[in-house]
Amino acid sequence: MKFSIRRASLALALLGCTLGTLTACFPLAVGGAVMGGMVAADRRTTGTVVEDEGIELRSASRIREALGERGHVNVTSYNRQVLLTGEVASSQDKQLVEQVVTGVDNVRHIVNDLAILGNSTLSQRSSDSVVTGRVKAGLLDASDLSVNAFKITTERGTTYVMGRVTPREVKRATEIISATTGVQRVVRVLETISEEELARSQASPPPRATVKP
């Protein structure tokens, strides 16, 4: 499969940030998109936000049908790029999940970071949820960043960051995330844009979503 990205370069960087022996995890979930004001602040178009939500929901449903209880898989989609995290029982199941998601409409690219391990515990997943909340709070507190430009997931102490951001924002966000309690490693799955592209997008924000009765 070949994919093209207009006016953006796809940057996938795995940055190992060992910050101690703290452990963490994240639950089986689909990342959600909030309609309304949040969409207006998002750097994706409203249509892409809706597509990402649909990708997550359809992928999660098809994965459950294919795997049953054999795995714990998180599906996170940003700008039609899908990140797969969690645990599966075998390399065959890892490939099966990727094949299932490949067949979902609108998927542009897949990053498969599933681990071949036993399912994480509820305690581990709850701990990761806390870490994700801390990361989002840190990004929100940064006056030079927009938290809505990022999508955050944490799995077994590894925090994954997705988004459409400038090199300056990548560096700044990585510093904040790496310093967050509970984060052992940062994996960046990002599309980079120039400061000029960012300025243009902020001057002409995407339209707000409307709900018809």
N, C-alpha and C. Protein backbone atom coordinates (compact mmCIF):
# COMPACT_ATOMS: atom_id res chain seq x y z
N MET A 1 0.84 -1.19 0.00
CA MET A 1 0.00 0.00 0.00
C MET A 1 0.87 1.24 0.00
N LYS A 2 0.48 2.20 -0.82
CA LYS A 2 1.24 3.43 -0.88
C LYS A 2 0.34 4.57 -0.42
N PHE A 3 0.89 5.48 0.34
CA PHE A 3 0.13 6.58 0.88
C PHE A 3 0.87 7.87 0.60
N SER A 4 0.11 8.95 0.38
CA SER A 4 0.75 10.25 0.18
C SER A 4 0.21 11.22 1.19
N ILE A 5 1.06 12.13 1.64
CA ILE A 5 0.67 13.15 2.60
C ILE A 5 0.99 14.49 1.98
N ARG A 6 0.00 15.30 1.74
CA ARG A 6 0.23 16.60 1.15
C ARG A 6 0.56 17.62 2.23
N ARG A 7 1.58 18.37 1.98
CA ARG A 7 2.00 19.48 2.82
C ARG A 7 2.35 19.03 4.23
N ALA A 8 2.68 17.81 4.40
CA ALA A 8 3.09 17.34 5.73
C ALA A 8 4.03 16.16 5.55
N SER A 9 5.04 16.09 6.38
CA SER A 9 5.94 14.96 6.33
C SER A 9 5.67 14.07 7.52
N LEU A 10 5.57 12.77 7.28
CA LEU A 10 5.26 11.83 8.33
C LEU A 10 6.52 11.49 9.11
N ALA A 11 6.46 11.73 10.41
CA ALA A 11 7.64 11.45 11.23
C ALA A 11 7.27 10.44 12.29
N LEU A 12 7.87 9.28 12.25
CA LEU A 12 7.67 8.27 13.27
C LEU A 12 8.98 8.09 14.00
N ALA A 13 8.99 8.50 15.27
CA ALA A 13 10.23 8.44 16.03
C ALA A 13 9.98 7.68 17.31
N LEU A 14 10.79 6.71 17.58
CA LEU A 14 10.71 5.99 18.84
C LEU A 14 11.82 6.51 19.72
N LEU A 15 11.43 7.22 20.76
CA LEU A 15 12.40 7.84 21.64
C LEU A 15 12.36 7.13 22.98
N GLY A 16 13.41 6.38 23.30
CA GLY A 16 13.45 5.68 24.58
C GLY A 16 13.81 6.64 25.69
N CYS A 17 12.90 6.78 26.64
CA CYS A 17 13.14 7.71 27.75
C CYS A 17 12.98 6.91 29.03
N THR A 18 13.99 6.25 29.48
CA THR A 18 13.92 5.47 30.70
C THR A 18 14.02 6.41 31.89
N LEU A 19 12.93 6.45 32.62
CA LEU A 19 12.85 7.44 33.69
C LEU A 19 12.68 6.78 35.05
N GLY A 20 13.20 5.58 35.22
CA GLY A 20 13.08 4.92 36.51
C GLY A 20 12.42 3.58 36.33
N THR A 21 11.89 3.04 37.42
CA THR A 21 11.31 1.70 37.38
C THR A 21 9.81 1.72 37.53
N LEU A 22 9.18 2.88 37.41
CA LEU A 22 7.72 2.93 37.52
C LEU A 22 7.11 2.19 36.34
N THR A 23 5.97 1.52 36.59
CA THR A 23 5.29 0.79 35.53
C THR A 23 3.90 1.35 35.33
N ALA A 24 3.34 1.10 34.13
CA ALA A 24 2.01 1.61 33.83
C ALA A 24 1.40 0.85 32.66
N CYS A 25 0.09 1.16 32.36
CA CYS A 25 -0.60 0.54 31.24
C CYS A 25 -1.84 1.34 30.88
N PHE A 26 -2.63 0.89 29.87
CA PHE A 26 -3.79 1.65 29.40
C PHE A 26 -4.86 0.67 28.96
N PRO A 27 -6.15 0.98 29.14
CA PRO A 27 -7.20 0.00 28.87
C PRO A 27 -7.51 -0.19 27.41
N LEU A 28 -8.19 -1.33 27.07
CA LEU A 28 -8.71 -1.52 25.73
C LEU A 28 -9.69 -0.40 25.46
N ALA A 29 -9.43 0.37 24.44
CA ALA A 29 -10.26 1.54 24.22
C ALA A 29 -10.11 2.03 22.81
N VAL A 30 -11.05 2.89 22.43
CA VAL A 30 -10.90 3.66 21.21
C VAL A 30 -10.82 5.11 21.60
N GLY A 31 -9.84 5.82 21.07
CA GLY A 31 -9.71 7.23 21.37
C GLY A 31 -10.90 7.98 20.82
N GLY A 32 -11.49 8.88 21.62
CA GLY A 32 -12.70 9.57 21.20
C GLY A 32 -12.43 10.97 20.72
N ALA A 33 -13.28 11.45 19.83
CA ALA A 33 -13.22 12.83 19.37
C ALA A 33 -14.39 13.59 19.96
N VAL A 34 -14.16 14.76 20.51
CA VAL A 34 -15.20 15.56 21.13
C VAL A 34 -15.70 16.58 20.12
N MET A 35 -17.00 16.58 19.86
CA MET A 35 -17.55 17.47 18.86
C MET A 35 -17.80 18.85 19.47
N GLY A 36 -17.88 19.86 18.63
CA GLY A 36 -18.15 21.22 19.11
C GLY A 36 -16.90 22.04 19.14
N GLY A 37 -16.67 22.75 20.28
CA GLY A 37 -15.53 23.64 20.40
C GLY A 37 -14.20 22.95 20.25
N MET A 38 -14.09 21.70 20.77
CA MET A 38 -12.85 20.96 20.65
C MET A 38 -12.49 20.71 19.19
N VAL A 39 -13.50 20.41 18.36
CA VAL A 39 -13.25 20.17 16.95
C VAL A 39 -12.71 21.42 16.30
N ALA A 40 -13.30 22.57 16.67
CA ALA A 40 -12.84 23.83 16.09
C ALA A 40 -11.38 24.09 16.41
N ALA A 41 -10.92 23.62 17.59
CA ALA A 41 -9.54 23.84 17.99
C ALA A 41 -8.61 22.77 17.44
N ASP A 42 -9.16 21.69 16.86
CA ASP A 42 -8.37 20.60 16.33
C ASP A 42 -7.74 21.00 15.01
N ARG A 43 -6.56 20.47 14.73
CA ARG A 43 -5.87 20.79 13.48
C ARG A 43 -6.30 19.90 12.32
N ARG A 44 -7.12 18.93 12.59
CA ARG A 44 -7.74 18.16 11.52
C ARG A 44 -9.02 18.86 11.07
N THR A 45 -9.46 18.57 9.85
CA THR A 45 -10.76 19.08 9.43
C THR A 45 -11.85 18.34 10.21
N THR A 46 -13.03 18.93 10.26
CA THR A 46 -14.14 18.29 10.95
C THR A 46 -14.43 16.92 10.34
N GLY A 47 -14.36 16.84 9.01
CA GLY A 47 -14.61 15.56 8.35
C GLY A 47 -13.60 14.51 8.76
N THR A 48 -12.33 14.89 8.91
CA THR A 48 -11.30 13.93 9.30
C THR A 48 -11.50 13.48 10.74
N VAL A 49 -11.91 14.40 11.62
CA VAL A 49 -12.20 14.02 13.01
C VAL A 49 -13.29 12.95 13.04
N VAL A 50 -14.33 13.15 12.26
CA VAL A 50 -15.42 12.17 12.20
C VAL A 50 -14.92 10.85 11.61
N GLU A 51 -14.09 10.91 10.57
CA GLU A 51 -13.52 9.70 9.99
C GLU A 51 -12.69 8.95 11.01
N ASP A 52 -11.87 9.67 11.79
CA ASP A 52 -11.04 9.01 12.80
C ASP A 52 -11.89 8.30 13.84
N GLU A 53 -12.98 8.95 14.24
CA GLU A 53 -13.87 8.32 15.21
C GLU A 53 -14.47 7.03 14.63
N GLY A 54 -14.88 7.09 13.38
CA GLY A 54 -15.44 5.91 12.74
C GLY A 54 -14.42 4.81 12.57
N ILE A 55 -13.19 5.17 12.23
CA ILE A 55 -12.12 4.18 12.10
C ILE A 55 -11.90 3.45 13.42
N GLU A 56 -11.85 4.20 14.51
CA GLU A 56 -11.63 3.59 15.83
C GLU A 56 -12.75 2.64 16.20
N LEU A 57 -13.98 3.05 15.99
CA LEU A 57 -15.12 2.23 16.38
C LEU A 57 -15.23 0.97 15.53
N ARG A 58 -15.09 1.12 14.21
CA ARG A 58 -15.20 -0.04 13.33
C ARG A 58 -14.04 -1.01 13.55
N SER A 59 -12.83 -0.46 13.73
CA SER A 59 -11.67 -1.32 13.96
C SER A 59 -11.82 -2.12 15.24
N ALA A 60 -12.23 -1.45 16.31
CA ALA A 60 -12.38 -2.14 17.60
C ALA A 60 -13.40 -3.26 17.50
N SER A 61 -14.51 -3.00 16.81
CA SER A 61 -15.55 -4.01 16.67
C SER A 61 -15.04 -5.22 15.88
N ARG A 62 -14.34 -4.97 14.78
CA ARG A 62 -13.85 -6.08 13.95
C ARG A 62 -12.74 -6.85 14.64
N ILE A 63 -11.93 -6.17 15.43
CA ILE A 63 -10.87 -6.87 16.17
C ILE A 63 -11.47 -7.80 17.21
N ARG A 64 -12.50 -7.33 17.91
CA ARG A 64 -13.17 -8.19 18.89
C ARG A 64 -13.75 -9.43 18.23
N GLU A 65 -14.33 -9.25 17.04
CA GLU A 65 -14.89 -10.40 16.32
C GLU A 65 -13.80 -11.38 15.91
N ALA A 66 -12.64 -10.86 15.52
CA ALA A 66 -11.55 -11.71 15.03
C ALA A 66 -10.80 -12.41 16.16
N LEU A 67 -10.60 -11.70 17.28
CA LEU A 67 -9.76 -12.24 18.36
C LEU A 67 -10.53 -12.84 19.51
N GLY A 68 -11.73 -12.40 19.72
CA GLY A 68 -12.45 -12.84 20.90
C GLY A 68 -11.74 -12.36 22.16
N GLU A 69 -11.42 -13.29 23.07
CA GLU A 69 -10.77 -12.95 24.33
C GLU A 69 -9.25 -13.13 24.27
N ARG A 70 -8.69 -13.32 23.08
CA ARG A 70 -7.28 -13.66 22.98
C ARG A 70 -6.36 -12.43 23.11
N GLY A 71 -6.89 -11.25 23.15
CA GLY A 71 -6.02 -10.08 23.23
C GLY A 71 -6.69 -8.86 23.83
N HIS A 72 -5.87 -7.87 24.07
CA HIS A 72 -6.30 -6.57 24.58
C HIS A 72 -5.68 -5.53 23.65
N VAL A 73 -6.51 -4.94 22.79
CA VAL A 73 -6.00 -4.07 21.73
C VAL A 73 -6.62 -2.69 21.83
N ASN A 74 -5.77 -1.68 21.80
CA ASN A 74 -6.22 -0.29 21.73
C ASN A 74 -6.07 0.21 20.31
N VAL A 75 -7.05 0.93 19.82
CA VAL A 75 -7.02 1.51 18.48
C VAL A 75 -7.12 3.03 18.61
N THR A 76 -6.12 3.74 18.12
CA THR A 76 -6.12 5.19 18.15
C THR A 76 -5.86 5.70 16.74
N SER A 77 -6.76 6.54 16.24
CA SER A 77 -6.61 7.06 14.88
C SER A 77 -6.48 8.58 14.92
N TYR A 78 -5.50 9.09 14.19
CA TYR A 78 -5.32 10.54 14.06
C TYR A 78 -5.00 10.85 12.60
N ASN A 79 -5.85 11.64 11.98
CA ASN A 79 -5.67 12.00 10.57
C ASN A 79 -5.60 10.76 9.69
N ARG A 80 -6.41 9.74 10.06
CA ARG A 80 -6.54 8.48 9.34
C ARG A 80 -5.28 7.61 9.43
N GLN A 81 -4.39 7.95 10.34
CA GLN A 81 -3.26 7.08 10.66
C GLN A 81 -3.59 6.32 11.95
N VAL A 82 -3.50 5.01 11.91
CA VAL A 82 -3.95 4.18 13.03
C VAL A 82 -2.77 3.63 13.81
N LEU A 83 -2.84 3.80 15.13
CA LEU A 83 -1.86 3.24 16.05
C LEU A 83 -2.50 2.07 16.79
N LEU A 84 -1.84 0.91 16.74
CA LEU A 84 -2.31 -0.28 17.45
C LEU A 84 -1.39 -0.55 18.62
N THR A 85 -1.96 -0.58 19.83
CA THR A 85 -1.19 -0.88 21.03
C THR A 85 -1.94 -1.89 21.88
N GLY A 86 -1.24 -2.49 22.83
CA GLY A 86 -1.86 -3.50 23.68
C GLY A 86 -1.11 -4.81 23.60
N GLU A 87 -1.83 -5.90 23.86
CA GLU A 87 -1.19 -7.21 23.89
C GLU A 87 -2.01 -8.23 23.10
N VAL A 88 -1.29 -9.12 22.42
CA VAL A 88 -1.91 -10.26 21.74
C VAL A 88 -1.12 -11.51 22.08
N ALA A 89 -1.74 -12.68 21.80
CA ALA A 89 -1.15 -13.93 22.25
C ALA A 89 -0.01 -14.43 21.37
N SER A 90 0.02 -14.02 20.10
CA SER A 90 1.02 -14.58 19.18
C SER A 90 1.32 -13.60 18.06
N SER A 91 2.41 -13.89 17.32
CA SER A 91 2.74 -13.06 16.17
C SER A 91 1.68 -13.17 15.08
N GLN A 92 1.03 -14.35 15.01
CA GLN A 92 -0.05 -14.52 14.04
C GLN A 92 -1.22 -13.60 14.36
N ASP A 93 -1.54 -13.47 15.65
CA ASP A 93 -2.63 -12.57 16.04
C ASP A 93 -2.25 -11.12 15.79
N LYS A 94 -1.00 -10.79 15.99
CA LYS A 94 -0.54 -9.42 15.72
C LYS A 94 -0.76 -9.08 14.25
N GLN A 95 -0.41 -9.99 13.36
CA GLN A 95 -0.61 -9.75 11.94
C GLN A 95 -2.09 -9.76 11.58
N LEU A 96 -2.86 -10.62 12.25
CA LEU A 96 -4.30 -10.67 12.00
C LEU A 96 -4.96 -9.34 12.31
N VAL A 97 -4.59 -8.75 13.46
CA VAL A 97 -5.16 -7.46 13.83
C VAL A 97 -4.84 -6.41 12.77
N GLU A 98 -3.60 -6.40 12.31
CA GLU A 98 -3.22 -5.41 11.28
C GLU A 98 -4.01 -5.62 9.99
N GLN A 99 -4.20 -6.87 9.62
CA GLN A 99 -4.97 -7.16 8.41
C GLN A 99 -6.42 -6.70 8.56
N VAL A 100 -6.98 -6.93 9.73
CA VAL A 100 -8.36 -6.52 9.98
C VAL A 100 -8.50 -5.00 9.83
N VAL A 101 -7.58 -4.26 10.43
CA VAL A 101 -7.65 -2.80 10.39
C VAL A 101 -7.36 -2.27 9.00
N THR A 102 -6.50 -2.95 8.25
CA THR A 102 -6.21 -2.54 6.88
C THR A 102 -7.49 -2.52 6.04
N GLY A 103 -8.43 -3.40 6.35
CA GLY A 103 -9.67 -3.48 5.60
C GLY A 103 -10.72 -2.46 5.99
N VAL A 104 -10.44 -1.64 6.99
CA VAL A 104 -11.40 -0.63 7.43
C VAL A 104 -11.33 0.59 6.51
N ASP A 105 -12.48 1.10 6.12
CA ASP A 105 -12.54 2.26 5.23
C ASP A 105 -11.79 3.46 5.81
N ASN A 106 -11.11 4.20 4.94
CA ASN A 106 -10.44 5.48 5.24
C ASN A 106 -9.10 5.34 5.96
N VAL A 107 -8.67 4.13 6.29
CA VAL A 107 -7.37 3.97 6.95
C VAL A 107 -6.26 4.26 5.94
N ARG A 108 -5.38 5.19 6.31
CA ARG A 108 -4.30 5.62 5.42
C ARG A 108 -2.98 4.93 5.72
N HIS A 109 -2.73 4.63 6.99
CA HIS A 109 -1.45 4.06 7.40
C HIS A 109 -1.64 3.41 8.76
N ILE A 110 -0.87 2.36 9.04
CA ILE A 110 -0.97 1.66 10.31
C ILE A 110 0.40 1.56 10.96
N VAL A 111 0.46 1.89 12.25
CA VAL A 111 1.65 1.67 13.07
C VAL A 111 1.27 0.58 14.07
N ASN A 112 1.85 -0.60 13.90
CA ASN A 112 1.49 -1.75 14.72
C ASN A 112 2.53 -1.95 15.81
N ASP A 113 2.21 -1.52 17.03
CA ASP A 113 3.13 -1.67 18.15
C ASP A 113 2.55 -2.62 19.20
N LEU A 114 1.78 -3.60 18.75
CA LEU A 114 1.23 -4.60 19.66
C LEU A 114 2.35 -5.47 20.22
N ALA A 115 2.25 -5.78 21.51
CA ALA A 115 3.24 -6.64 22.17
C ALA A 115 2.68 -8.06 22.26
N ILE A 116 3.55 -9.05 22.12
CA ILE A 116 3.14 -10.44 22.27
C ILE A 116 3.34 -10.82 23.73
N LEU A 117 2.30 -10.59 24.50
CA LEU A 117 2.33 -10.77 25.95
C LEU A 117 0.95 -11.17 26.43
N GLY A 118 0.87 -11.59 27.71
CA GLY A 118 -0.43 -11.77 28.33
C GLY A 118 -1.12 -10.43 28.52
N ASN A 119 -2.43 -10.46 28.62
CA ASN A 119 -3.18 -9.22 28.79
C ASN A 119 -2.78 -8.48 30.06
N SER A 120 -2.69 -7.17 29.97
CA SER A 120 -2.40 -6.36 31.15
C SER A 120 -3.55 -6.44 32.13
N THR A 121 -3.25 -6.16 33.40
CA THR A 121 -4.27 -6.24 34.45
C THR A 121 -5.07 -4.94 34.51
N LEU A 122 -6.21 -5.00 35.18
CA LEU A 122 -7.02 -3.80 35.36
C LEU A 122 -6.25 -2.74 36.12
N SER A 123 -5.44 -3.16 37.10
CA SER A 123 -4.63 -2.22 37.87
C SER A 123 -3.62 -1.51 36.97
N GLN A 124 -2.98 -2.27 36.09
CA GLN A 124 -2.01 -1.68 35.17
C GLN A 124 -2.68 -0.69 34.22
N ARG A 125 -3.85 -1.05 33.73
CA ARG A 125 -4.56 -0.16 32.81
C ARG A 125 -5.03 1.11 33.51
N SER A 126 -5.48 0.96 34.74
CA SER A 126 -5.88 2.14 35.50
C SER A 126 -4.70 3.06 35.75
N SER A 127 -3.55 2.48 36.05
CA SER A 127 -2.34 3.27 36.26
C SER A 127 -1.97 4.05 35.01
N ASP A 128 -2.09 3.42 33.86
CA ASP A 128 -1.78 4.10 32.61
C ASP A 128 -2.76 5.22 32.33
N SER A 129 -4.02 5.02 32.69
CA SER A 129 -5.00 6.09 32.52
C SER A 129 -4.60 7.32 33.32
N VAL A 130 -4.08 7.09 34.51
CA VAL A 130 -3.62 8.20 35.35
C VAL A 130 -2.44 8.90 34.70
N VAL A 131 -1.51 8.13 34.16
CA VAL A 131 -0.34 8.72 33.49
C VAL A 131 -0.79 9.56 32.29
N THR A 132 -1.71 9.04 31.50
CA THR A 132 -2.21 9.80 30.36
C THR A 132 -2.83 11.12 30.81
N GLY A 133 -3.58 11.07 31.90
CA GLY A 133 -4.17 12.30 32.44
C GLY A 133 -3.11 13.30 32.86
N ARG A 134 -2.04 12.82 33.47
CA ARG A 134 -0.95 13.71 33.87
C ARG A 134 -0.29 14.36 32.66
N VAL A 135 -0.08 13.55 31.62
CA VAL A 135 0.54 14.09 30.40
C VAL A 135 -0.34 15.18 29.79
N LYS A 136 -1.63 14.93 29.68
CA LYS A 136 -2.53 15.92 29.11
C LYS A 136 -2.56 17.19 29.95
N ALA A 137 -2.52 17.03 31.26
CA ALA A 137 -2.50 18.20 32.14
C ALA A 137 -1.24 19.01 31.93
N GLY A 138 -0.10 18.32 31.75
CA GLY A 138 1.16 19.02 31.51
C GLY A 138 1.14 19.78 30.20
N LEU A 139 0.57 19.19 29.16
CA LEU A 139 0.47 19.88 27.87
C LEU A 139 -0.49 21.05 27.96
N LEU A 140 -1.56 20.87 28.73
CA LEU A 140 -2.53 21.95 28.90
C LEU A 140 -1.93 23.14 29.62
N ASP A 141 -1.04 22.87 30.57
CA ASP A 141 -0.41 23.94 31.35
C ASP A 141 0.64 24.71 30.56
N ALA A 142 1.11 24.14 29.46
CA ALA A 142 2.16 24.79 28.67
C ALA A 142 1.54 25.89 27.81
N SER A 143 1.92 27.11 28.07
CA SER A 143 1.32 28.25 27.37
C SER A 143 1.71 28.30 25.89
N ASP A 144 2.78 27.62 25.52
CA ASP A 144 3.25 27.66 24.13
C ASP A 144 2.83 26.43 23.33
N LEU A 145 1.88 25.63 23.87
CA LEU A 145 1.37 24.47 23.16
C LEU A 145 -0.15 24.45 23.21
N SER A 146 -0.75 23.79 22.23
CA SER A 146 -2.19 23.55 22.23
C SER A 146 -2.42 22.07 22.50
N VAL A 147 -3.04 21.76 23.63
CA VAL A 147 -3.24 20.36 23.98
C VAL A 147 -4.10 19.65 22.94
N ASN A 148 -4.98 20.39 22.25
CA ASN A 148 -5.85 19.78 21.25
C ASN A 148 -5.11 19.39 19.97
N ALA A 149 -3.84 19.76 19.87
CA ALA A 149 -3.03 19.36 18.71
C ALA A 149 -2.47 17.95 18.88
N PHE A 150 -2.66 17.35 20.06
CA PHE A 150 -2.07 16.05 20.36
C PHE A 150 -3.14 15.04 20.75
N LYS A 151 -2.83 13.77 20.49
CA LYS A 151 -3.64 12.66 20.97
C LYS A 151 -2.70 11.74 21.74
N ILE A 152 -3.06 11.44 22.99
CA ILE A 152 -2.14 10.75 23.90
C ILE A 152 -2.71 9.40 24.32
N THR A 153 -1.87 8.38 24.31
CA THR A 153 -2.21 7.05 24.81
C THR A 153 -1.01 6.51 25.58
N THR A 154 -1.25 5.81 26.68
CA THR A 154 -0.16 5.20 27.44
C THR A 154 -0.38 3.70 27.56
N GLU A 155 0.67 2.93 27.35
CA GLU A 155 0.59 1.47 27.38
C GLU A 155 1.84 0.90 28.03
N ARG A 156 1.66 0.26 29.20
CA ARG A 156 2.78 -0.39 29.90
C ARG A 156 3.95 0.56 30.12
N GLY A 157 3.67 1.78 30.53
CA GLY A 157 4.72 2.74 30.82
C GLY A 157 5.22 3.52 29.63
N THR A 158 4.76 3.18 28.44
CA THR A 158 5.14 3.90 27.22
C THR A 158 4.02 4.85 26.83
N THR A 159 4.35 6.11 26.67
CA THR A 159 3.35 7.09 26.24
C THR A 159 3.53 7.37 24.75
N TYR A 160 2.44 7.22 24.01
CA TYR A 160 2.42 7.46 22.58
C TYR A 160 1.77 8.82 22.33
N VAL A 161 2.40 9.61 21.49
CA VAL A 161 1.86 10.93 21.18
C VAL A 161 1.66 11.04 19.68
N MET A 162 0.44 11.38 19.30
CA MET A 162 0.09 11.58 17.89
C MET A 162 -0.32 13.04 17.70
N GLY A 163 -0.25 13.52 16.47
CA GLY A 163 -0.66 14.89 16.23
C GLY A 163 -0.10 15.42 14.92
N ARG A 164 -0.44 16.66 14.66
CA ARG A 164 0.02 17.37 13.46
C ARG A 164 0.65 18.66 13.97
N VAL A 165 1.96 18.65 14.10
CA VAL A 165 2.65 19.69 14.87
C VAL A 165 3.94 20.13 14.20
N THR A 166 4.47 21.26 14.67
CA THR A 166 5.72 21.79 14.15
C THR A 166 6.91 21.15 14.89
N PRO A 167 8.11 21.21 14.32
CA PRO A 167 9.29 20.68 15.02
C PRO A 167 9.47 21.30 16.40
N ARG A 168 9.18 22.58 16.54
CA ARG A 168 9.29 23.23 17.85
C ARG A 168 8.33 22.58 18.85
N GLU A 169 7.11 22.31 18.41
CA GLU A 169 6.12 21.70 19.29
C GLU A 169 6.50 20.26 19.63
N VAL A 170 7.10 19.56 18.67
CA VAL A 170 7.55 18.19 18.94
C VAL A 170 8.57 18.20 20.08
N LYS A 171 9.55 19.07 19.98
CA LYS A 171 10.60 19.15 20.99
C LYS A 171 10.04 19.52 22.35
N ARG A 172 9.18 20.53 22.37
CA ARG A 172 8.61 21.01 23.64
C ARG A 172 7.72 19.95 24.28
N ALA A 173 6.86 19.33 23.48
CA ALA A 173 5.96 18.31 24.02
C ALA A 173 6.74 17.10 24.54
N THR A 174 7.79 16.71 23.83
CA THR A 174 8.61 15.58 24.27
C THR A 174 9.25 15.87 25.62
N GLU A 175 9.71 17.09 25.81
CA GLU A 175 10.30 17.47 27.09
C GLU A 175 9.28 17.34 28.22
N ILE A 176 8.06 17.81 27.98
CA ILE A 176 7.02 17.76 29.01
C ILE A 176 6.62 16.33 29.31
N ILE A 177 6.40 15.54 28.26
CA ILE A 177 5.96 14.17 28.45
C ILE A 177 7.03 13.34 29.15
N SER A 178 8.28 13.51 28.74
CA SER A 178 9.38 12.74 29.34
C SER A 178 9.54 13.03 30.83
N ALA A 179 9.19 14.24 31.24
CA ALA A 179 9.34 14.63 32.64
C ALA A 179 8.12 14.26 33.49
N THR A 180 7.10 13.68 32.88
CA THR A 180 5.88 13.34 33.60
C THR A 180 6.06 12.08 34.42
N THR A 181 5.64 12.11 35.66
CA THR A 181 5.75 10.95 36.55
C THR A 181 5.01 9.75 35.95
N GLY A 182 5.68 8.62 35.90
CA GLY A 182 5.09 7.39 35.39
C GLY A 182 5.43 7.07 33.96
N VAL A 183 5.94 8.06 33.20
CA VAL A 183 6.31 7.82 31.81
C VAL A 183 7.72 7.24 31.75
N GLN A 184 7.85 6.06 31.16
CA GLN A 184 9.16 5.43 31.02
C GLN A 184 9.76 5.65 29.64
N ARG A 185 8.89 5.80 28.64
CA ARG A 185 9.37 5.93 27.27
C ARG A 185 8.35 6.73 26.48
N VAL A 186 8.81 7.47 25.49
CA VAL A 186 7.94 8.25 24.63
C VAL A 186 8.07 7.75 23.20
N VAL A 187 6.95 7.45 22.57
CA VAL A 187 6.92 7.08 21.16
C VAL A 187 6.11 8.13 20.42
N ARG A 188 6.75 8.76 19.43
CA ARG A 188 6.10 9.84 18.68
C ARG A 188 5.64 9.32 17.32
N VAL A 189 4.37 9.45 17.05
CA VAL A 189 3.78 9.07 15.76
C VAL A 189 3.14 10.34 15.22
N LEU A 190 3.94 11.16 14.56
CA LEU A 190 3.54 12.54 14.29
C LEU A 190 3.66 12.90 12.81
N GLU A 191 2.84 13.84 12.39
CA GLU A 191 3.00 14.51 11.12
C GLU A 191 3.55 15.90 11.42
N THR A 192 4.66 16.24 10.80
CA THR A 192 5.25 17.54 11.06
C THR A 192 4.83 18.55 9.99
N ILE A 193 4.55 19.76 10.44
CA ILE A 193 4.20 20.86 9.55
C ILE A 193 5.10 22.04 9.90
N SER A 194 5.17 23.00 8.99
CA SER A 194 6.00 24.18 9.23
C SER A 194 5.24 25.19 10.08
N GLU A 195 5.97 26.17 10.62
CA GLU A 195 5.33 27.25 11.38
C GLU A 195 4.39 28.04 10.46
N GLU A 196 4.75 28.17 9.18
CA GLU A 196 3.90 28.89 8.23
C GLU A 196 2.58 28.15 8.01
N GLU A 197 2.65 26.84 7.88
CA GLU A 197 1.43 26.05 7.74
C GLU A 197 0.55 26.17 8.98
N LEU A 198 1.18 26.15 10.15
CA LEU A 198 0.43 26.31 11.38
C LEU A 198 -0.27 27.66 11.43
N ALA A 199 0.44 28.71 11.06
CA ALA A 199 -0.14 30.05 11.08
C ALA A 199 -1.34 30.13 10.14
N ARG A 200 -1.22 29.52 8.96
CA ARG A 200 -2.32 29.54 8.01
C ARG A 200 -3.53 28.78 8.55
N SER A 201 -3.27 27.65 9.18
CA SER A 201 -4.39 26.85 9.70
C SER A 201 -5.09 27.56 10.85
N GLN A 202 -4.34 28.30 11.65
CA GLN A 202 -4.95 29.04 12.75
C GLN A 202 -5.73 30.25 12.27
N ALA A 203 -5.29 30.81 11.13
CA ALA A 203 -6.01 31.95 10.56
C ALA A 203 -7.34 31.51 9.95
N SER A 204 -7.39 30.24 9.49
CA SER A 204 -8.61 29.72 8.88
C SER A 204 -8.96 28.38 9.52
N PRO A 205 -9.51 28.41 10.75
CA PRO A 205 -9.81 27.16 11.45
C PRO A 205 -10.91 26.39 10.73
N PRO A 206 -10.91 25.05 10.88
CA PRO A 206 -11.95 24.24 10.25
C PRO A 206 -13.31 24.57 10.82
N PRO A 207 -14.39 24.41 10.03
CA PRO A 207 -15.73 24.75 10.50
C PRO A 207 -16.17 23.87 11.65
N ARG A 208 -17.04 24.41 12.49
CA ARG A 208 -17.57 23.66 13.61
C ARG A 208 -18.57 22.62 13.09
N ALA A 209 -18.64 21.50 13.78
CA ALA A 209 -19.63 20.49 13.43
C ALA A 209 -21.01 20.93 13.86
N THR A 210 -22.01 20.66 13.07
CA THR A 210 -23.38 21.00 13.42
C THR A 210 -24.20 19.72 13.49
N VAL A 211 -25.17 19.71 14.37
CA VAL A 211 -26.05 18.54 14.54
C VAL A 211 -27.44 18.93 14.10
N LYS A 212 -27.97 18.23 13.09
CA LYS A 212 -29.30 18.53 12.60
C LYS A 212 -30.33 17.73 13.39
N PRO A 213 -31.47 18.36 13.70
CA PRO A 213 -32.50 17.65 14.44
C PRO A 213 -33.13 16.52 13.61
